[in-house]
Amino acid sequence: MQRDITAFAEALPRYQVSTSLRPDGEHLLTLTTASGKAVYQRILQKDMTDAQLISRIKLDLLTEEPPEQRDISAVLQDSEAQNYTSGKIHRTRWERLWEERKVERSDEP
């Protein structure tokens, strides 16, 4: 079964996105530039969502760029929006302790 790559094409507009089937049944994603040069390849794991794969691909592409051309803000924005628990994000212990703290006021100087 071929994986839908429209989400990858929309998230990575600078590249041409294509997939091919490997002999072991996994899909290989290839990103090519407008000149036809393949710049990135990755196996699309079945247990990962498209959003997780796109985030990892963007991070991989970011690390391959020269340091002066890196724009990490977009990657950080995507990674903060993801919720890996597939549900409500729980408070940390320190947040809970801070919210449940008891503040006692003393009128004595």
PDB file of N, CA and C in Angstrom:
ATOM      1  N   MET A   1       0.839  -1.175   0.000  1.00  0.00           N
ATOM      2  CA  MET A   1       0.000   0.000   0.000  1.00  0.00           C
ATOM      3  C   MET A   1       0.886   1.241   0.000  1.00  0.00           C
ATOM      4  N   GLN A   2       0.647   2.141  -0.915  1.00  0.00           N
ATOM      5  CA  GLN A   2       1.435   3.361  -1.042  1.00  0.00           C
ATOM      6  C   GLN A   2       0.993   4.372   0.006  1.00  0.00           C
ATOM      7  N   ARG A   3       1.944   5.015   0.649  1.00  0.00           N
ATOM      8  CA  ARG A   3       1.632   6.014   1.673  1.00  0.00           C
ATOM      9  C   ARG A   3       1.331   7.356   0.996  1.00  0.00           C
ATOM     10  N   ASP A   4       0.372   8.089   1.518  1.00  0.00           N
ATOM     11  CA  ASP A   4      -0.008   9.392   0.975  1.00  0.00           C
ATOM     12  C   ASP A   4       1.078  10.412   1.316  1.00  0.00           C
ATOM     13  N   ILE A   5       1.629  11.064   0.304  1.00  0.00           N
ATOM     14  CA  ILE A   5       2.747  11.993   0.541  1.00  0.00           C
ATOM     15  C   ILE A   5       2.345  13.453   0.371  1.00  0.00           C
ATOM     16  N   THR A   6       1.051  13.734   0.294  1.00  0.00           N
ATOM     17  CA  THR A   6       0.632  15.126   0.115  1.00  0.00           C
ATOM     18  C   THR A   6       1.014  15.978   1.326  1.00  0.00           C
ATOM     19  N   ALA A   7       0.939  15.413   2.536  1.00  0.00           N
ATOM     20  CA  ALA A   7       1.325  16.177   3.735  1.00  0.00           C
ATOM     21  C   ALA A   7       2.810  16.517   3.700  1.00  0.00           C
ATOM     22  N   PHE A   8       3.624  15.606   3.180  1.00  0.00           N
ATOM     23  CA  PHE A   8       5.059  15.858   3.082  1.00  0.00           C
ATOM     24  C   PHE A   8       5.352  16.930   2.038  1.00  0.00           C
ATOM     25  N   ALA A   9       4.651  16.873   0.917  1.00  0.00           N
ATOM     26  CA  ALA A   9       4.854  17.867  -0.143  1.00  0.00           C
ATOM     27  C   ALA A   9       4.433  19.257   0.321  1.00  0.00           C
ATOM     28  N   GLU A  10       3.345  19.340   1.103  1.00  0.00           N
ATOM     29  CA  GLU A  10       2.887  20.634   1.603  1.00  0.00           C
ATOM     30  C   GLU A  10       3.825  21.183   2.675  1.00  0.00           C
ATOM     31  N   ALA A  11       4.380  20.317   3.499  1.00  0.00           N
ATOM     32  CA  ALA A  11       5.262  20.759   4.587  1.00  0.00           C
ATOM     33  C   ALA A  11       6.666  21.086   4.100  1.00  0.00           C
ATOM     34  N   LEU A  12       7.065  20.540   2.969  1.00  0.00           N
ATOM     35  CA  LEU A  12       8.414  20.761   2.434  1.00  0.00           C
ATOM     36  C   LEU A  12       8.319  21.302   1.009  1.00  0.00           C
ATOM     37  N   PRO A  13       7.860  22.545   0.847  1.00  0.00           N
ATOM     38  CA  PRO A  13       7.610  23.066  -0.500  1.00  0.00           C
ATOM     39  C   PRO A  13       8.876  23.315  -1.320  1.00  0.00           C
ATOM     40  N   ARG A  14      10.028  23.407  -0.682  1.00  0.00           N
ATOM     41  CA  ARG A  14      11.271  23.655  -1.425  1.00  0.00           C
ATOM     42  C   ARG A  14      11.773  22.424  -2.162  1.00  0.00           C
ATOM     43  N   TYR A  15      11.194  21.272  -1.878  1.00  0.00           N
ATOM     44  CA  TYR A  15      11.684  20.017  -2.436  1.00  0.00           C
ATOM     45  C   TYR A  15      10.585  19.283  -3.187  1.00  0.00           C
ATOM     46  N   GLN A  16      11.012  18.443  -4.126  1.00  0.00           N
ATOM     47  CA  GLN A  16      10.092  17.530  -4.794  1.00  0.00           C
ATOM     48  C   GLN A  16      10.115  16.236  -3.991  1.00  0.00           C
ATOM     49  N   VAL A  17       8.960  15.774  -3.598  1.00  0.00           N
ATOM     50  CA  VAL A  17       8.846  14.607  -2.727  1.00  0.00           C
ATOM     51  C   VAL A  17       8.395  13.405  -3.551  1.00  0.00           C
ATOM     52  N   SER A  18       9.099  12.283  -3.362  1.00  0.00           N
ATOM     53  CA  SER A  18       8.701  11.044  -4.026  1.00  0.00           C
ATOM     54  C   SER A  18       8.975   9.876  -3.093  1.00  0.00           C
ATOM     55  N   THR A  19       8.267   8.788  -3.326  1.00  0.00           N
ATOM     56  CA  THR A  19       8.499   7.574  -2.533  1.00  0.00           C
ATOM     57  C   THR A  19       8.701   6.401  -3.462  1.00  0.00           C
ATOM     58  N   SER A  20       9.401   5.421  -2.963  1.00  0.00           N
ATOM     59  CA  SER A  20       9.577   4.169  -3.693  1.00  0.00           C
ATOM     60  C   SER A  20       9.481   3.023  -2.686  1.00  0.00           C
ATOM     61  N   LEU A  21       9.116   1.870  -3.168  1.00  0.00           N
ATOM     62  CA  LEU A  21       8.951   0.714  -2.316  1.00  0.00           C
ATOM     63  C   LEU A  21      10.254  -0.065  -2.261  1.00  0.00           C
ATOM     64  N   ARG A  22      10.694  -0.373  -1.051  1.00  0.00           N
ATOM     65  CA  ARG A  22      11.912  -1.162  -0.866  1.00  0.00           C
ATOM     66  C   ARG A  22      11.568  -2.645  -0.917  1.00  0.00           C
ATOM     67  N   PRO A  23      12.570  -3.505  -1.116  1.00  0.00           N
ATOM     68  CA  PRO A  23      12.295  -4.951  -1.156  1.00  0.00           C
ATOM     69  C   PRO A  23      11.706  -5.507   0.147  1.00  0.00           C
ATOM     70  N   ASP A  24      12.002  -4.859   1.278  1.00  0.00           N
ATOM     71  CA  ASP A  24      11.470  -5.345   2.555  1.00  0.00           C
ATOM     72  C   ASP A  24      10.058  -4.833   2.837  1.00  0.00           C
ATOM     73  N   GLY A  25       9.468  -4.061   1.933  1.00  0.00           N
ATOM     74  CA  GLY A  25       8.107  -3.582   2.083  1.00  0.00           C
ATOM     75  C   GLY A  25       7.984  -2.185   2.658  1.00  0.00           C
ATOM     76  N   GLU A  26       9.072  -1.608   3.128  1.00  0.00           N
ATOM     77  CA  GLU A  26       9.053  -0.248   3.666  1.00  0.00           C
ATOM     78  C   GLU A  26       9.091   0.757   2.512  1.00  0.00           C
ATOM     79  N   HIS A  27       8.625   1.966   2.794  1.00  0.00           N
ATOM     80  CA  HIS A  27       8.645   3.045   1.798  1.00  0.00           C
ATOM     81  C   HIS A  27       9.853   3.926   2.041  1.00  0.00           C
ATOM     82  N   LEU A  28      10.515   4.321   0.966  1.00  0.00           N
ATOM     83  CA  LEU A  28      11.673   5.205   1.030  1.00  0.00           C
ATOM     84  C   LEU A  28      11.267   6.562   0.477  1.00  0.00           C
ATOM     85  N   LEU A  29      11.346   7.593   1.327  1.00  0.00           N
ATOM     86  CA  LEU A  29      11.014   8.956   0.921  1.00  0.00           C
ATOM     87  C   LEU A  29      12.279   9.622   0.398  1.00  0.00           C
ATOM     88  N   THR A  30      12.190  10.267  -0.748  1.00  0.00           N
ATOM     89  CA  THR A  30      13.324  10.967  -1.340  1.00  0.00           C
ATOM     90  C   THR A  30      12.936  12.414  -1.594  1.00  0.00           C
ATOM     91  N   LEU A  31      13.779  13.345  -1.134  1.00  0.00           N
ATOM     92  CA  LEU A  31      13.591  14.768  -1.402  1.00  0.00           C
ATOM     93  C   LEU A  31      14.627  15.192  -2.424  1.00  0.00           C
ATOM     94  N   THR A  32      14.177  15.832  -3.487  1.00  0.00           N
ATOM     95  CA  THR A  32      15.083  16.321  -4.516  1.00  0.00           C
ATOM     96  C   THR A  32      14.882  17.822  -4.705  1.00  0.00           C
ATOM     97  N   THR A  33      15.941  18.488  -5.117  1.00  0.00           N
ATOM     98  CA  THR A  33      15.862  19.921  -5.387  1.00  0.00           C
ATOM     99  C   THR A  33      15.270  20.131  -6.780  1.00  0.00           C
ATOM    100  N   ALA A  34      15.071  21.396  -7.138  1.00  0.00           N
ATOM    101  CA  ALA A  34      14.517  21.717  -8.457  1.00  0.00           C
ATOM    102  C   ALA A  34      15.449  21.274  -9.579  1.00  0.00           C
ATOM    103  N   SER A  35      16.753  21.198  -9.284  1.00  0.00           N
ATOM    104  CA  SER A  35      17.719  20.770 -10.297  1.00  0.00           C
ATOM    105  C   SER A  35      17.762  19.249 -10.452  1.00  0.00           C
ATOM    106  N   GLY A  36      17.046  18.514  -9.592  1.00  0.00           N
ATOM    107  CA  GLY A  36      16.995  17.066  -9.709  1.00  0.00           C
ATOM    108  C   GLY A  36      17.979  16.330  -8.812  1.00  0.00           C
ATOM    109  N   LYS A  37      18.692  17.054  -7.971  1.00  0.00           N
ATOM    110  CA  LYS A  37      19.675  16.433  -7.082  1.00  0.00           C
ATOM    111  C   LYS A  37      18.974  15.914  -5.827  1.00  0.00           C
ATOM    112  N   ALA A  38      19.154  14.631  -5.519  1.00  0.00           N
ATOM    113  CA  ALA A  38      18.568  14.045  -4.313  1.00  0.00           C
ATOM    114  C   ALA A  38      19.368  14.519  -3.102  1.00  0.00           C
ATOM    115  N   VAL A  39      18.694  15.173  -2.168  1.00  0.00           N
ATOM    116  CA  VAL A  39      19.387  15.732  -1.008  1.00  0.00           C
ATOM    117  C   VAL A  39      19.081  15.001   0.289  1.00  0.00           C
ATOM    118  N   TYR A  40      18.017  14.171   0.295  1.00  0.00           N
ATOM    119  CA  TYR A  40      17.627  13.522   1.538  1.00  0.00           C
ATOM    120  C   TYR A  40      16.816  12.271   1.245  1.00  0.00           C
ATOM    121  N   GLN A  41      17.090  11.210   1.999  1.00  0.00           N
ATOM    122  CA  GLN A  41      16.307   9.990   1.910  1.00  0.00           C
ATOM    123  C   GLN A  41      16.035   9.477   3.314  1.00  0.00           C
ATOM    124  N   ARG A  42      14.836   8.946   3.505  1.00  0.00           N
ATOM    125  CA  ARG A  42      14.466   8.415   4.819  1.00  0.00           C
ATOM    126  C   ARG A  42      13.420   7.322   4.639  1.00  0.00           C
ATOM    127  N   ILE A  43      13.533   6.284   5.452  1.00  0.00           N
ATOM    128  CA  ILE A  43      12.530   5.231   5.467  1.00  0.00           C
ATOM    129  C   ILE A  43      11.348   5.732   6.281  1.00  0.00           C
ATOM    130  N   LEU A  44      10.151   5.572   5.751  1.00  0.00           N
ATOM    131  CA  LEU A  44       8.939   5.996   6.439  1.00  0.00           C
ATOM    132  C   LEU A  44       8.460   4.859   7.342  1.00  0.00           C
ATOM    133  N   GLN A  45       8.708   5.012   8.634  1.00  0.00           N
ATOM    134  CA  GLN A  45       8.300   3.980   9.575  1.00  0.00           C
ATOM    135  C   GLN A  45       6.780   3.938   9.679  1.00  0.00           C
ATOM    136  N   LYS A  46       6.246   2.750   9.791  1.00  0.00           N
ATOM    137  CA  LYS A  46       4.791   2.573   9.844  1.00  0.00           C
ATOM    138  C   LYS A  46       4.216   3.028  11.175  1.00  0.00           C
ATOM    139  N   ASP A  47       5.009   2.980  12.237  1.00  0.00           N
ATOM    140  CA  ASP A  47       4.486   3.317  13.560  1.00  0.00           C
ATOM    141  C   ASP A  47       4.549   4.807  13.874  1.00  0.00           C
ATOM    142  N   MET A  48       5.056   5.619  12.949  1.00  0.00           N
ATOM    143  CA  MET A  48       5.144   7.064  13.167  1.00  0.00           C
ATOM    144  C   MET A  48       4.089   7.781  12.341  1.00  0.00           C
ATOM    145  N   THR A  49       3.523   8.845  12.921  1.00  0.00           N
ATOM    146  CA  THR A  49       2.543   9.649  12.193  1.00  0.00           C
ATOM    147  C   THR A  49       3.260  10.555  11.200  1.00  0.00           C
ATOM    148  N   ASP A  50       2.495  11.106  10.277  1.00  0.00           N
ATOM    149  CA  ASP A  50       3.079  12.033   9.302  1.00  0.00           C
ATOM    150  C   ASP A  50       3.686  13.252   9.993  1.00  0.00           C
ATOM    151  N   ALA A  51       3.002  13.774  11.019  1.00  0.00           N
ATOM    152  CA  ALA A  51       3.514  14.957  11.730  1.00  0.00           C
ATOM    153  C   ALA A  51       4.853  14.657  12.400  1.00  0.00           C
ATOM    154  N   GLN A  52       4.998  13.487  12.992  1.00  0.00           N
ATOM    155  CA  GLN A  52       6.261  13.122  13.630  1.00  0.00           C
ATOM    156  C   GLN A  52       7.368  12.979  12.590  1.00  0.00           C
ATOM    157  N   LEU A  53       7.061  12.343  11.471  1.00  0.00           N
ATOM    158  CA  LEU A  53       8.063  12.176  10.417  1.00  0.00           C
ATOM    159  C   LEU A  53       8.478  13.518   9.827  1.00  0.00           C
ATOM    160  N   ILE A  54       7.517  14.386   9.586  1.00  0.00           N
ATOM    161  CA  ILE A  54       7.833  15.698   9.018  1.00  0.00           C
ATOM    162  C   ILE A  54       8.712  16.490   9.971  1.00  0.00           C
ATOM    163  N   SER A  55       8.412  16.434  11.253  1.00  0.00           N
ATOM    164  CA  SER A  55       9.226  17.139  12.243  1.00  0.00           C
ATOM    165  C   SER A  55      10.659  16.620  12.245  1.00  0.00           C
ATOM    166  N   ARG A  56      10.818  15.318  12.180  1.00  0.00           N
ATOM    167  CA  ARG A  56      12.175  14.745  12.165  1.00  0.00           C
ATOM    168  C   ARG A  56      12.912  15.067  10.875  1.00  0.00           C
ATOM    169  N   ILE A  57      12.200  15.063   9.756  1.00  0.00           N
ATOM    170  CA  ILE A  57      12.828  15.398   8.482  1.00  0.00           C
ATOM    171  C   ILE A  57      13.303  16.853   8.501  1.00  0.00           C
ATOM    172  N   LYS A  58      12.459  17.756   9.003  1.00  0.00           N
ATOM    173  CA  LYS A  58      12.849  19.163   9.081  1.00  0.00           C
ATOM    174  C   LYS A  58      14.074  19.337   9.975  1.00  0.00           C
ATOM    175  N   LEU A  59      14.111  18.614  11.080  1.00  0.00           N
ATOM    176  CA  LEU A  59      15.261  18.700  11.978  1.00  0.00           C
ATOM    177  C   LEU A  59      16.522  18.159  11.306  1.00  0.00           C
ATOM    178  N   ASP A  60      16.394  17.045  10.592  1.00  0.00           N
ATOM    179  CA  ASP A  60      17.540  16.493   9.865  1.00  0.00           C
ATOM    180  C   ASP A  60      18.044  17.465   8.802  1.00  0.00           C
ATOM    181  N   LEU A  61      17.119  18.071   8.064  1.00  0.00           N
ATOM    182  CA  LEU A  61      17.527  19.039   7.032  1.00  0.00           C
ATOM    183  C   LEU A  61      18.177  20.261   7.659  1.00  0.00           C
ATOM    184  N   LEU A  62      17.695  20.660   8.824  1.00  0.00           N
ATOM    185  CA  LEU A  62      18.257  21.814   9.519  1.00  0.00           C
ATOM    186  C   LEU A  62      19.699  21.555   9.942  1.00  0.00           C
ATOM    187  N   THR A  63      19.973  20.361  10.428  1.00  0.00           N
ATOM    188  CA  THR A  63      21.329  20.060  10.889  1.00  0.00           C
ATOM    189  C   THR A  63      22.318  19.940   9.736  1.00  0.00           C
ATOM    190  N   GLU A  64      21.820  19.678   8.541  1.00  0.00           N
ATOM    191  CA  GLU A  64      22.704  19.573   7.383  1.00  0.00           C
ATOM    192  C   GLU A  64      23.023  20.931   6.759  1.00  0.00           C
ATOM    193  N   GLU A  65      22.259  21.971   7.099  1.00  0.00           N
ATOM    194  CA  GLU A  65      22.518  23.305   6.554  1.00  0.00           C
ATOM    195  C   GLU A  65      23.715  23.943   7.242  1.00  0.00           C
ATOM    196  N   PRO A  66      24.384  24.885   6.568  1.00  0.00           N
ATOM    197  CA  PRO A  66      25.458  25.627   7.235  1.00  0.00           C
ATOM    198  C   PRO A  66      24.898  26.418   8.419  1.00  0.00           C
ATOM    199  N   PRO A  67      25.682  26.606   9.487  1.00  0.00           N
ATOM    200  CA  PRO A  67      25.174  27.269  10.696  1.00  0.00           C
ATOM    201  C   PRO A  67      24.585  28.659  10.458  1.00  0.00           C
ATOM    202  N   GLU A  68      25.126  29.407   9.524  1.00  0.00           N
ATOM    203  CA  GLU A  68      24.618  30.761   9.308  1.00  0.00           C
ATOM    204  C   GLU A  68      23.267  30.780   8.593  1.00  0.00           C
ATOM    205  N   GLN A  69      22.845  29.661   8.009  1.00  0.00           N
ATOM    206  CA  GLN A  69      21.561  29.609   7.301  1.00  0.00           C
ATOM    207  C   GLN A  69      20.476  28.912   8.116  1.00  0.00           C
ATOM    208  N   ARG A  70      20.782  28.490   9.311  1.00  0.00           N
ATOM    209  CA  ARG A  70      19.816  27.737  10.112  1.00  0.00           C
ATOM    210  C   ARG A  70      18.752  28.640  10.708  1.00  0.00           C
ATOM    211  N   ASP A  71      17.511  28.219  10.589  1.00  0.00           N
ATOM    212  CA  ASP A  71      16.385  28.906  11.206  1.00  0.00           C
ATOM    213  C   ASP A  71      15.652  27.879  12.056  1.00  0.00           C
ATOM    214  N   ILE A  72      16.045  27.794  13.303  1.00  0.00           N
ATOM    215  CA  ILE A  72      15.516  26.755  14.185  1.00  0.00           C
ATOM    216  C   ILE A  72      14.139  27.102  14.740  1.00  0.00           C
ATOM    217  N   SER A  73      13.707  28.335  14.613  1.00  0.00           N
ATOM    218  CA  SER A  73      12.430  28.740  15.204  1.00  0.00           C
ATOM    219  C   SER A  73      11.253  27.951  14.632  1.00  0.00           C
ATOM    220  N   ALA A  74      11.257  27.678  13.339  1.00  0.00           N
ATOM    221  CA  ALA A  74      10.156  26.927  12.728  1.00  0.00           C
ATOM    222  C   ALA A  74      10.125  25.488  13.230  1.00  0.00           C
ATOM    223  N   VAL A  75      11.286  24.889  13.388  1.00  0.00           N
ATOM    224  CA  VAL A  75      11.334  23.508  13.874  1.00  0.00           C
ATOM    225  C   VAL A  75      10.898  23.440  15.327  1.00  0.00           C
ATOM    226  N   LEU A  76      11.325  24.410  16.134  1.00  0.00           N
ATOM    227  CA  LEU A  76      10.928  24.422  17.535  1.00  0.00           C
ATOM    228  C   LEU A  76       9.427  24.643  17.676  1.00  0.00           C
ATOM    229  N   GLN A  77       8.868  25.478  16.833  1.00  0.00           N
ATOM    230  CA  GLN A  77       7.433  25.728  16.877  1.00  0.00           C
ATOM    231  C   GLN A  77       6.660  24.446  16.574  1.00  0.00           C
ATOM    232  N   ASP A  78       7.114  23.676  15.596  1.00  0.00           N
ATOM    233  CA  ASP A  78       6.452  22.416  15.268  1.00  0.00           C
ATOM    234  C   ASP A  78       6.583  21.405  16.394  1.00  0.00           C
ATOM    235  N   SER A  79       7.763  21.333  17.017  1.00  0.00           N
ATOM    236  CA  SER A  79       7.965  20.330  18.054  1.00  0.00           C
ATOM    237  C   SER A  79       7.197  20.672  19.326  1.00  0.00           C
ATOM    238  N   GLU A  80       6.983  21.958  19.620  1.00  0.00           N
ATOM    239  CA  GLU A  80       6.201  22.330  20.791  1.00  0.00           C
ATOM    240  C   GLU A  80       4.729  22.006  20.599  1.00  0.00           C
ATOM    241  N   ALA A  81       4.260  22.035  19.370  1.00  0.00           N
ATOM    242  CA  ALA A  81       2.848  21.795  19.109  1.00  0.00           C
ATOM    243  C   ALA A  81       2.493  20.314  19.179  1.00  0.00           C
ATOM    244  N   GLN A  82       3.469  19.427  19.061  1.00  0.00           N
ATOM    245  CA  GLN A  82       3.178  18.002  19.078  1.00  0.00           C
ATOM    246  C   GLN A  82       2.899  17.513  20.483  1.00  0.00           C
ATOM    247  N   ASN A  83       2.012  16.564  20.578  1.00  0.00           N
ATOM    248  CA  ASN A  83       1.661  15.956  21.850  1.00  0.00           C
ATOM    249  C   ASN A  83       1.888  14.459  21.708  1.00  0.00           C
ATOM    250  N   TYR A  84       2.939  13.956  22.310  1.00  0.00           N
ATOM    251  CA  TYR A  84       3.299  12.558  22.134  1.00  0.00           C
ATOM    252  C   TYR A  84       2.500  11.620  23.030  1.00  0.00           C
ATOM    253  N   THR A  85       1.668  12.148  23.912  1.00  0.00           N
ATOM    254  CA  THR A  85       0.876  11.295  24.788  1.00  0.00           C
ATOM    255  C   THR A  85      -0.481  10.962  24.192  1.00  0.00           C
ATOM    256  N   SER A  86      -0.828  11.573  23.084  1.00  0.00           N
ATOM    257  CA  SER A  86      -2.122  11.374  22.419  1.00  0.00           C
ATOM    258  C   SER A  86      -3.283  11.698  23.349  1.00  0.00           C
ATOM    259  N   GLY A  87      -3.093  12.646  24.201  1.00  0.00           N
ATOM    260  CA  GLY A  87      -4.143  13.047  25.120  1.00  0.00           C
ATOM    261  C   GLY A  87      -3.754  14.326  25.826  1.00  0.00           C
ATOM    262  N   LYS A  88      -4.356  14.525  26.987  1.00  0.00           N
ATOM    263  CA  LYS A  88      -4.082  15.727  27.756  1.00  0.00           C
ATOM    264  C   LYS A  88      -2.640  15.714  28.277  1.00  0.00           C
ATOM    265  N   ILE A  89      -1.992  16.852  28.191  1.00  0.00           N
ATOM    266  CA  ILE A  89      -0.642  16.967  28.720  1.00  0.00           C
ATOM    267  C   ILE A  89      -0.759  17.182  30.225  1.00  0.00           C
ATOM    268  N   HIS A  90      -0.100  16.328  30.986  1.00  0.00           N
ATOM    269  CA  HIS A  90      -0.198  16.383  32.439  1.00  0.00           C
ATOM    270  C   HIS A  90       0.797  17.378  33.015  1.00  0.00           C
ATOM    271  N   ARG A  91       0.418  17.920  34.147  1.00  0.00           N
ATOM    272  CA  ARG A  91       1.294  18.861  34.834  1.00  0.00           C
ATOM    273  C   ARG A  91       2.498  18.117  35.416  1.00  0.00           C
ATOM    274  N   THR A  92       3.595  18.819  35.536  1.00  0.00           N
ATOM    275  CA  THR A  92       4.744  18.238  36.205  1.00  0.00           C
ATOM    276  C   THR A  92       4.545  18.319  37.711  1.00  0.00           C
ATOM    277  N   ARG A  93       5.362  17.617  38.423  1.00  0.00           N
ATOM    278  CA  ARG A  93       5.254  17.606  39.881  1.00  0.00           C
ATOM    279  C   ARG A  93       5.431  19.007  40.445  1.00  0.00           C
ATOM    280  N   TRP A  94       6.379  19.746  39.911  1.00  0.00           N
ATOM    281  CA  TRP A  94       6.652  21.092  40.426  1.00  0.00           C
ATOM    282  C   TRP A  94       5.513  22.056  40.136  1.00  0.00           C
ATOM    283  N   GLU A  95       4.883  21.913  38.980  1.00  0.00           N
ATOM    284  CA  GLU A  95       3.723  22.762  38.678  1.00  0.00           C
ATOM    285  C   GLU A  95       2.582  22.480  39.652  1.00  0.00           C
ATOM    286  N   ARG A  96       2.353  21.209  39.928  1.00  0.00           N
ATOM    287  CA  ARG A  96       1.298  20.846  40.859  1.00  0.00           C
ATOM    288  C   ARG A  96       1.598  21.369  42.257  1.00  0.00           C
ATOM    289  N   LEU A  97       2.833  21.224  42.725  1.00  0.00           N
ATOM    290  CA  LEU A  97       3.207  21.723  44.049  1.00  0.00           C
ATOM    291  C   LEU A  97       3.063  23.241  44.136  1.00  0.00           C
ATOM    292  N   TRP A  98       3.424  23.930  43.076  1.00  0.00           N
ATOM    293  CA  TRP A  98       3.314  25.391  43.066  1.00  0.00           C
ATOM    294  C   TRP A  98       1.852  25.826  43.138  1.00  0.00           C
ATOM    295  N   GLU A  99       0.997  25.129  42.384  1.00  0.00           N
ATOM    296  CA  GLU A  99      -0.421  25.482  42.393  1.00  0.00           C
ATOM    297  C   GLU A  99      -1.090  25.134  43.723  1.00  0.00           C
ATOM    298  N   GLU A 100      -0.627  24.102  44.392  1.00  0.00           N
ATOM    299  CA  GLU A 100      -1.254  23.662  45.636  1.00  0.00           C
ATOM    300  C   GLU A 100      -0.560  24.218  46.884  1.00  0.00           C
ATOM    301  N   ARG A 101       0.345  25.125  46.695  1.00  0.00           N
ATOM    302  CA  ARG A 101       1.078  25.668  47.846  1.00  0.00           C
ATOM    303  C   ARG A 101       0.119  26.411  48.773  1.00  0.00           C
ATOM    304  N   LYS A 102       0.465  26.431  50.021  1.00  0.00           N
ATOM    305  CA  LYS A 102      -0.348  27.157  51.004  1.00  0.00           C
ATOM    306  C   LYS A 102       0.426  28.389  51.423  1.00  0.00           C
ATOM    307  N   VAL A 103      -0.179  29.489  51.204  1.00  0.00           N
ATOM    308  CA  VAL A 103       0.451  30.758  51.555  1.00  0.00           C
ATOM    309  C   VAL A 103      -0.208  31.267  52.828  1.00  0.00           C
ATOM    310  N   GLU A 104       0.593  31.448  53.819  1.00  0.00           N
ATOM    311  CA  GLU A 104       0.084  31.959  55.080  1.00  0.00           C
ATOM    312  C   GLU A 104       0.571  33.388  55.248  1.00  0.00           C
ATOM    313  N   ARG A 105      -0.368  34.230  55.574  1.00  0.00           N
ATOM    314  CA  ARG A 105      -0.005  35.622  55.802  1.00  0.00           C
ATOM    315  C   ARG A 105       0.051  35.868  57.296  1.00  0.00           C
ATOM    316  N   SER A 106       1.013  36.581  57.623  1.00  0.00           N
ATOM    317  CA  SER A 106       1.148  36.961  59.022  1.00  0.00           C
ATOM    318  C   SER A 106       0.999  38.481  59.112  1.00  0.00           C
ATOM    319  N   ASP A 107       0.116  38.906  59.978  1.00  0.00           N
ATOM    320  CA  ASP A 107      -0.084  40.344  60.139  1.00  0.00           C
ATOM    321  C   ASP A 107       0.969  40.965  61.065  1.00  0.00           C
ATOM    322  N   GLU A 108       1.766  40.117  61.617  1.00  0.00           N
ATOM    323  CA  GLU A 108       2.807  40.622  62.514  1.00  0.00           C
ATOM    324  C   GLU A 108       3.984  41.133  61.699  1.00  0.00           C
ATOM    325  N   PRO A 109       4.510  42.302  62.073  1.00  0.00           N
ATOM    326  CA  PRO A 109       5.658  42.845  61.342  1.00  0.00           C
ATOM    327  C   PRO A 109       6.949  42.124  61.626  1.00  0.00           C
TER     328      PRO A 109
END
